[in-house]
């Protein structure tokens, strides 16, 4: 009897397991997601309030500097130029008493003016980027939230929102096309901001969502989208749409995706669900940050400055050795010049007579071999050439 009872319990457990598996397959939108699922794919709920994962905002920034990072980034960029490093060293050496044959601020003041001019130029360019970012972030879009349609700015759009985009408007984020004002949920888009192509491309929504054209239908839309994590691929997309009223998952592809930066054309309106926002959109992931540019002219200039620096060191070394020889031979005959070594006569050694001091003096004296106006001249020439190109 005991063996028969245990066998009955065994078959009962198997029957319960099979039944639970069938129920879970019939209700795919209600499956439980684990941490490993969230790490390998993006899960977006539709009309269910908070999302299972926290996504970034739709605010974007293409600027190069912020108030905090401006000074360190600017100085790093400027002192990648060998000429600025050289003149900074000269300005420091000129502050040593008894070494510099020139004034203490002969190099420091011109170098400060050069850096200030460069800083003003960088600030003006970055302010323009901030203004452009602000105008994009403050564009208006119509979204469906909490059962109502309302206008909000692009930067307030969140993953999971349903947005309505009208003809000739840009998409505020990466969207899944739900329905449109054209038959069969077709819409036309222009992707010139993404790939440079001006010809119109066709996108088509799924048949299961094509008839959702009213607020009531959008309110009753319940389900889950499972898709790949944000990536840079503009022409591929893989995901599934699981609706509560549909038994099987519906595959999503690139034909249902509307990317940020694209523009709606020849279509009255579309409804779309936000899947990627802000810097997770494919447009922003393909937009590299503002680089620290180093032109070919700057690279050639740096190499020439290194050559001139080596030449300057050779000239200063030769002059220092020749000076030491002359001092040694004439320190007695020309005693009134105070050339006596400190070890010979401390009372008459009025001039520092040391190889290092003499070398630094010649180094400062001959520093004009590398003109401080070099970088300003190059920047001025580039500005005039750019103006001439735009004028022509």
Protein backbone atom coordinates (compact mmCIF):
# COMPACT_ATOMS: atom_id res chain seq x y z
CA UNK A 1 0.00 0.00 0.00
CA UNK A 2 2.83 2.39 0.85
CA UNK A 3 4.46 1.80 -2.51
CA UNK A 4 1.16 2.37 -4.35
CA UNK A 5 0.59 5.65 -2.45
CA UNK A 6 4.06 6.96 -3.29
CA UNK A 7 3.56 6.16 -6.98
CA UNK A 8 0.24 8.02 -6.94
CA UNK A 9 1.90 11.10 -5.44
CA UNK A 10 4.66 10.91 -8.07
CA UNK A 11 2.21 10.90 -11.00
CA UNK A 12 0.18 13.66 -9.31
CA UNK A 13 3.29 15.92 -9.18
CA UNK A 14 4.05 15.26 -12.84
CA UNK A 15 0.47 16.16 -13.83
CA UNK A 16 0.65 19.43 -11.87
CA UNK A 17 3.96 20.37 -13.49
CA UNK A 18 2.58 19.76 -16.99
CA UNK A 19 -0.56 21.77 -16.19
CA UNK A 20 1.45 24.74 -14.89
CA UNK A 21 3.65 24.69 -17.99
CA UNK A 22 0.60 24.78 -20.26
CA UNK A 23 -0.88 27.70 -18.32
CA UNK A 24 2.36 29.68 -18.54
CA UNK A 25 2.58 29.09 -22.30
CA UNK A 26 -1.00 30.30 -22.75
CA UNK A 27 -0.27 33.53 -20.81
CA UNK A 28 3.16 34.64 -22.05
CA UNK A 29 2.69 38.25 -20.92
CA UNK A 30 2.41 37.10 -17.31
CA UNK A 31 5.65 35.15 -17.15
CA UNK A 32 7.96 35.98 -14.29
CA UNK A 33 11.20 37.73 -15.27
CA UNK A 34 14.41 37.01 -13.45
CA UNK A 35 17.53 39.14 -12.99
CA UNK A 36 19.34 37.17 -15.68
CA UNK A 37 16.55 37.96 -18.18
CA UNK A 38 16.79 41.67 -17.40
CA UNK A 39 20.56 41.64 -17.84
CA UNK A 40 20.38 39.99 -21.28
CA UNK A 41 17.42 41.87 -22.78
CA UNK A 42 15.21 44.90 -22.27
CA UNK A 43 11.70 44.33 -20.93
CA UNK A 44 9.16 47.14 -21.41
CA UNK A 45 5.66 46.97 -20.00
CA UNK A 46 2.75 48.67 -21.76
CA UNK A 47 0.25 50.69 -19.69
CA UNK A 48 1.37 49.10 -16.42
CA UNK A 49 2.93 52.04 -14.62
CA UNK A 50 6.56 51.76 -13.55
CA UNK A 51 8.97 49.83 -15.75
CA UNK A 52 10.79 46.74 -14.40
CA UNK A 53 14.15 48.44 -14.96
CA UNK A 54 15.18 52.05 -14.53
CA UNK A 55 16.08 53.69 -17.84
CA UNK A 56 17.90 56.93 -18.48
CA UNK A 57 16.05 60.15 -19.27
CA UNK A 58 15.52 61.45 -22.78
CA UNK A 59 17.72 64.48 -22.08
CA UNK A 60 20.75 64.67 -24.37
CA UNK A 61 23.95 66.68 -24.23
CA UNK A 62 26.51 67.03 -27.02
CA UNK A 63 28.53 69.76 -25.33
CA UNK A 64 32.24 69.42 -24.72
CA UNK A 65 32.51 71.09 -21.32
CA UNK A 66 30.57 71.72 -18.15
CA UNK A 67 31.18 74.41 -15.54
CA UNK A 68 33.17 71.96 -13.40
CA UNK A 69 35.10 70.19 -16.17
CA UNK A 70 35.96 73.23 -18.29
CA UNK A 71 39.23 74.24 -16.62
CA UNK A 72 40.92 70.79 -16.41
CA UNK A 73 39.78 69.74 -19.89
CA UNK A 74 40.76 73.06 -21.44
CA UNK A 75 44.22 73.06 -19.85
CA UNK A 76 44.76 69.44 -20.89
CA UNK A 77 43.87 70.29 -24.48
CA UNK A 78 46.04 73.41 -24.58
CA UNK A 79 49.13 71.82 -23.05
CA UNK A 80 49.07 68.98 -25.52
CA UNK A 81 50.65 71.59 -27.77
CA UNK A 82 54.40 71.50 -27.28
CA UNK A 83 54.72 75.24 -27.86
CA UNK A 84 52.54 76.01 -24.83
CA UNK A 85 54.53 73.59 -22.66
CA UNK A 86 57.78 75.22 -23.79
CA UNK A 87 56.64 78.76 -23.03
CA UNK A 88 55.21 77.69 -19.68
CA UNK A 89 58.66 76.36 -18.74
CA UNK A 90 60.26 79.61 -19.89
CA UNK A 91 57.76 81.64 -17.85
CA UNK A 92 58.59 79.57 -14.74
CA UNK A 93 62.35 79.92 -15.28
CA UNK A 94 62.00 83.69 -15.61
CA UNK A 95 60.72 83.82 -12.04
CA UNK A 96 64.07 82.56 -10.64
CA UNK A 97 66.06 85.55 -9.30
CA UNK A 98 69.49 86.11 -10.85
CA UNK A 99 68.92 83.71 -13.75
CA UNK A 100 66.68 85.49 -16.23
CA UNK A 101 68.30 88.24 -18.33
CA UNK A 102 64.79 89.44 -19.23
CA UNK A 103 61.78 90.60 -17.24
CA UNK A 104 59.77 88.22 -15.07
CA UNK A 105 56.59 88.67 -17.11
CA UNK A 106 58.06 88.83 -20.62
CA UNK A 107 56.69 85.38 -21.49
CA UNK A 108 54.00 84.90 -18.84
CA UNK A 109 51.83 87.80 -20.03
CA UNK A 110 51.77 86.85 -23.75
CA UNK A 111 51.14 83.18 -22.83
CA UNK A 112 48.25 84.20 -20.58
CA UNK A 113 46.75 86.28 -23.40
CA UNK A 114 47.04 83.33 -25.80
CA UNK A 115 45.32 80.98 -23.33
CA UNK A 116 42.58 83.52 -22.61
CA UNK A 117 41.85 83.94 -26.32
CA UNK A 118 41.70 80.17 -26.76
CA UNK A 119 39.42 79.86 -23.71
CA UNK A 120 37.03 82.50 -25.07
CA UNK A 121 36.90 80.67 -28.41
CA UNK A 122 36.14 77.32 -26.71
CA UNK A 123 33.48 78.90 -24.48
CA UNK A 124 31.69 80.50 -27.44
CA UNK A 125 31.65 77.22 -29.38
CA UNK A 126 30.45 75.20 -26.38
CA UNK A 127 27.74 77.73 -25.51
CA UNK A 128 26.40 77.23 -29.04
CA UNK A 129 26.29 73.47 -28.40
CA UNK A 130 24.43 74.01 -25.11
CA UNK A 131 21.90 76.28 -26.85
CA UNK A 132 21.34 73.72 -29.60
CA UNK A 133 20.93 70.91 -27.04
CA UNK A 134 18.44 73.03 -25.10
CA UNK A 135 16.34 73.72 -28.20
CA UNK A 136 16.21 69.98 -28.99
CA UNK A 137 15.41 68.93 -25.42
CA UNK A 138 12.59 71.49 -25.21
CA UNK A 139 10.79 70.46 -28.38
CA UNK A 140 7.14 69.59 -27.81
CA UNK A 141 5.58 66.18 -28.39
CA UNK A 142 2.13 64.73 -27.67
CA UNK A 143 2.19 61.74 -25.29
CA UNK A 144 -0.51 59.48 -23.85
CA UNK A 145 -0.05 59.21 -20.10
CA UNK A 146 -2.51 58.27 -17.33
CA UNK A 147 -5.40 58.10 -19.79
CA UNK A 148 -4.89 61.62 -21.17
CA UNK A 149 -3.12 63.24 -24.10
CA UNK A 150 -0.78 66.04 -23.09
CA UNK A 151 2.05 68.04 -24.59
CA UNK A 152 5.44 67.72 -22.95
CA UNK A 153 9.06 68.36 -23.84
CA UNK A 154 11.28 65.73 -25.40
CA UNK A 155 13.46 65.53 -22.31
CA UNK A 156 10.45 64.36 -20.23
CA UNK A 157 9.63 61.44 -22.52
CA UNK A 158 10.24 58.09 -20.81
CA UNK A 159 10.60 54.49 -21.90
CA UNK A 160 7.13 52.92 -22.13
CA UNK A 161 5.36 56.16 -23.13
CA UNK A 162 3.01 56.17 -26.12
CA UNK A 163 3.66 59.24 -28.29
CA UNK A 164 1.84 60.76 -31.24
CA UNK A 165 4.04 62.23 -33.97
CA UNK A 166 2.55 64.35 -36.75
CA UNK A 167 3.63 64.82 -40.35
CA UNK A 168 7.06 66.49 -40.84
CA UNK A 169 7.92 66.10 -37.15
CA UNK A 170 11.00 64.31 -35.85
CA UNK A 171 10.76 61.28 -33.59
CA UNK A 172 11.74 62.17 -30.00
CA UNK A 173 13.17 58.71 -29.20
CA UNK A 174 13.44 55.22 -30.67
CA UNK A 175 9.87 53.96 -31.11
CA UNK A 176 7.98 50.81 -31.99
CA UNK A 177 5.34 51.71 -34.56
CA UNK A 178 1.85 50.81 -33.30
CA UNK A 179 -0.47 52.41 -35.85
CA UNK A 180 -0.63 55.27 -38.33
CA UNK A 181 -3.02 57.41 -40.32
CA UNK A 182 -2.34 55.38 -43.47
CA UNK A 183 -3.96 52.07 -44.47
CA UNK A 184 -2.32 48.91 -43.08
CA UNK A 185 -0.43 51.03 -40.53
CA UNK A 186 2.15 52.18 -43.09
CA UNK A 187 4.24 55.33 -42.66
CA UNK A 188 7.04 57.02 -44.57
CA UNK A 189 10.18 58.36 -42.93
CA UNK A 190 13.30 60.24 -43.97
CA UNK A 191 16.59 59.15 -42.38
CA UNK A 192 18.98 61.75 -43.80
CA UNK A 193 20.18 62.67 -40.28
CA UNK A 194 21.15 59.04 -39.68
CA UNK A 195 22.63 57.74 -42.93
CA UNK A 196 22.54 60.72 -45.31
CA UNK A 197 19.91 59.13 -47.56
CA UNK A 198 17.14 61.51 -48.64
CA UNK A 199 14.84 58.94 -50.23
CA UNK A 200 11.81 57.98 -48.16
CA UNK A 201 11.69 54.62 -46.39
CA UNK A 202 8.59 52.61 -45.54
CA UNK A 203 7.77 51.33 -42.06
CA UNK A 204 4.74 49.22 -41.19
CA UNK A 205 3.13 48.43 -37.86
CA UNK A 206 1.95 45.00 -36.79
CA UNK A 207 -1.55 43.86 -37.84
CA UNK A 208 -2.37 43.22 -34.16
CA UNK A 209 -1.92 46.94 -33.33
CA UNK A 210 -2.83 48.55 -36.66
CA UNK A 211 -6.43 49.24 -35.62
CA UNK A 212 -5.52 51.13 -32.44
CA UNK A 213 -6.48 54.64 -33.45
CA UNK A 214 -8.49 55.86 -30.44
CA UNK A 215 -7.58 56.70 -26.87
CA UNK A 216 -9.81 53.90 -25.55
CA UNK A 217 -8.01 51.31 -27.65
CA UNK A 218 -4.62 52.61 -26.52
CA UNK A 219 -5.76 52.54 -22.90
CA UNK A 220 -6.78 48.89 -23.21
CA UNK A 221 -3.47 47.93 -24.81
CA UNK A 222 -1.72 45.70 -22.27
CA UNK A 223 1.37 43.63 -22.78
CA UNK A 224 5.14 43.41 -22.70
CA UNK A 225 7.90 44.11 -25.22
CA UNK A 226 11.09 42.10 -24.95
CA UNK A 227 13.91 43.41 -27.11
CA UNK A 228 17.67 43.58 -27.37
CA UNK A 229 19.72 45.91 -25.21
CA UNK A 230 20.63 49.34 -26.65
CA UNK A 231 23.20 49.06 -29.44
CA UNK A 232 24.59 51.04 -32.38
CA UNK A 233 23.16 48.92 -35.21
CA UNK A 234 20.89 51.15 -37.30
CA UNK A 235 19.55 48.50 -39.66
CA UNK A 236 18.78 45.54 -37.40
CA UNK A 237 16.40 45.00 -34.51
CA UNK A 238 15.13 41.90 -32.72
CA UNK A 239 12.28 41.79 -30.25
CA UNK A 240 8.89 40.31 -29.44
CA UNK A 241 5.55 41.84 -28.50
CA UNK A 242 3.46 39.87 -26.02
CA UNK A 243 -0.14 41.08 -25.77
CA UNK A 244 -2.57 39.89 -23.13
CA UNK A 245 -5.27 39.19 -25.72
CA UNK A 246 -2.97 37.34 -28.12
CA UNK A 247 -1.90 33.78 -27.38
CA UNK A 248 1.53 33.78 -29.01
CA UNK A 249 4.41 36.31 -29.03
CA UNK A 250 4.59 38.57 -32.08
CA UNK A 251 8.06 39.13 -33.57
CA UNK A 252 9.33 42.68 -34.05
CA UNK A 253 11.89 43.68 -36.66
CA UNK A 254 13.53 46.72 -38.20
CA UNK A 255 10.36 47.46 -40.22
CA UNK A 256 8.53 48.38 -37.01
CA UNK A 257 11.26 50.66 -35.58
CA UNK A 258 11.27 54.46 -35.89
CA UNK A 259 14.65 55.87 -34.86
CA UNK A 260 15.33 59.18 -33.21
CA UNK A 261 16.61 61.67 -35.77
CA UNK A 262 14.26 60.36 -38.46
CA UNK A 263 11.43 62.53 -39.75
CA UNK A 264 7.85 61.52 -40.51
CA UNK A 265 6.91 62.27 -44.11
CA UNK A 266 3.68 62.07 -46.15
CA UNK A 267 1.85 60.53 -43.18
CA UNK A 268 -0.74 62.38 -41.11
CA UNK A 269 0.24 60.82 -37.77
CA UNK A 270 1.64 57.75 -36.07
CA UNK A 271 1.40 56.21 -32.61
CA UNK A 272 4.65 54.80 -31.26
CA UNK A 273 5.89 53.20 -28.05
CA UNK A 274 9.22 54.44 -26.65
CA UNK A 275 11.78 51.63 -26.26
CA UNK A 276 15.09 53.57 -26.10
CA UNK A 277 15.55 57.12 -24.82
CA UNK A 278 18.28 59.73 -24.51
CA UNK A 279 21.82 58.53 -25.01
CA UNK A 280 20.60 54.94 -25.41
CA UNK A 281 19.00 55.74 -28.77
CA UNK A 282 20.83 54.46 -31.81
CA UNK A 283 21.43 58.01 -33.05
CA UNK A 284 23.23 59.05 -29.87
CA UNK A 285 25.15 55.78 -29.58
CA UNK A 286 26.52 56.40 -33.08
CA UNK A 287 27.36 60.01 -32.21
CA UNK A 288 30.82 60.10 -30.70
CA UNK A 289 31.64 62.71 -28.08
CA UNK A 290 33.29 65.95 -29.15
CA UNK A 291 36.92 64.96 -29.76
CA UNK A 292 40.06 66.79 -28.75
CA UNK A 293 41.14 67.53 -32.29
CA UNK A 294 44.77 67.35 -33.33
CA UNK A 295 45.16 68.43 -36.94
CA UNK A 296 47.98 67.48 -39.28
CA UNK A 297 49.28 71.05 -39.08
CA UNK A 298 49.45 70.77 -35.29
CA UNK A 299 51.29 67.44 -35.49
CA UNK A 300 53.83 68.89 -37.93
CA UNK A 301 54.20 71.96 -35.71
CA UNK A 302 54.87 69.79 -32.66
CA UNK A 303 57.58 67.85 -34.49
CA UNK A 304 59.21 71.08 -35.69
CA UNK A 305 59.13 72.50 -32.16
CA UNK A 306 60.90 69.38 -30.88
CA UNK A 307 63.57 69.86 -33.54
CA UNK A 308 63.99 73.53 -32.58
CA UNK A 309 64.15 72.57 -28.90
CA UNK A 310 67.00 70.15 -29.57
CA UNK A 311 68.75 72.84 -31.61
CA UNK A 312 68.22 75.34 -28.78
CA UNK A 313 69.74 72.95 -26.23
CA UNK A 314 72.78 72.44 -28.47
CA UNK A 315 73.27 76.20 -28.91
CA UNK A 316 72.85 76.84 -25.17
CA UNK A 317 75.30 74.05 -24.29
CA UNK A 318 77.91 75.41 -26.70
CA UNK A 319 77.42 78.96 -25.41
CA UNK A 320 77.62 77.82 -21.77
CA UNK A 321 80.86 75.90 -22.34
CA UNK A 322 82.36 78.84 -24.23
CA UNK A 323 81.28 81.20 -21.45
CA UNK A 324 82.79 79.01 -18.76
CA UNK A 325 86.09 78.88 -20.66
CA UNK A 326 86.14 82.67 -21.10
CA UNK A 327 85.31 83.25 -17.42
CA UNK A 328 88.07 80.90 -16.31
CA UNK A 329 90.65 82.68 -18.47
CA UNK A 330 89.60 86.24 -17.66
CA UNK A 331 88.44 86.13 -14.05
CA UNK A 332 91.72 87.63 -12.84
CA UNK A 333 92.39 90.14 -15.60
CA UNK A 334 88.81 91.42 -15.52
CA UNK A 335 88.30 91.22 -11.78
CA UNK A 336 85.95 94.23 -11.81
CA UNK A 337 83.29 92.10 -13.57
CA UNK A 338 82.94 89.92 -10.48
CA UNK A 339 83.67 86.71 -12.36
CA UNK A 340 85.73 85.10 -9.58
CA UNK A 341 84.50 81.70 -8.46
CA UNK A 342 82.97 81.56 -5.04
CA UNK A 343 85.51 78.93 -4.03
CA UNK A 344 88.38 81.26 -4.93
CA UNK A 345 87.16 84.50 -3.45
CA UNK A 346 83.71 84.78 -1.90
CA UNK A 347 84.04 88.52 -1.47
CA UNK A 348 84.49 89.26 -5.18
CA UNK A 349 82.03 86.65 -6.55
CA UNK A 350 79.16 89.07 -7.28
CA UNK A 351 77.75 87.12 -10.26
CA UNK A 352 76.49 83.50 -9.94
CA UNK A 353 79.12 81.54 -11.80
CA UNK A 354 77.76 78.05 -12.17
CA UNK A 355 77.29 75.89 -15.25
CA UNK A 356 73.58 75.32 -14.53
CA UNK A 357 72.86 79.00 -13.94
CA UNK A 358 74.71 79.98 -17.10
CA UNK A 359 72.88 77.34 -19.15
CA UNK A 360 69.45 78.53 -17.92
CA UNK A 361 70.41 82.13 -18.68
CA UNK A 362 71.29 81.26 -22.27
CA UNK A 363 68.17 79.08 -22.53
CA UNK A 364 65.95 82.03 -21.58
CA UNK A 365 67.96 84.43 -23.73
CA UNK A 366 67.63 82.30 -26.88
CA UNK A 367 64.02 81.16 -26.32
CA UNK A 368 62.86 83.39 -29.19
CA UNK A 369 64.20 80.71 -31.50
CA UNK A 370 60.69 79.30 -30.97
CA UNK A 371 58.43 82.34 -31.47
CA UNK A 372 55.56 82.73 -29.03
CA UNK A 373 53.43 84.14 -31.83
CA UNK A 374 53.63 80.81 -33.69
CA UNK A 375 50.36 79.33 -32.39
CA UNK A 376 48.47 82.61 -32.72
CA UNK A 377 49.65 82.92 -36.32
CA UNK A 378 48.51 79.38 -37.14
CA UNK A 379 45.07 79.94 -35.57
CA UNK A 380 44.69 83.26 -37.40
CA UNK A 381 45.58 81.67 -40.74
CA UNK A 382 43.04 78.86 -40.18
CA UNK A 383 40.35 81.40 -39.27
CA UNK A 384 41.00 83.47 -42.41
CA UNK A 385 41.02 80.35 -44.59
CA UNK A 386 37.71 79.16 -43.10
CA UNK A 387 36.17 82.59 -43.66
CA UNK A 388 37.45 82.61 -47.24
CA UNK A 389 35.98 79.13 -47.92
CA UNK A 390 32.57 80.17 -46.55
CA UNK A 391 32.71 83.44 -48.49
CA UNK A 392 33.46 81.70 -51.78
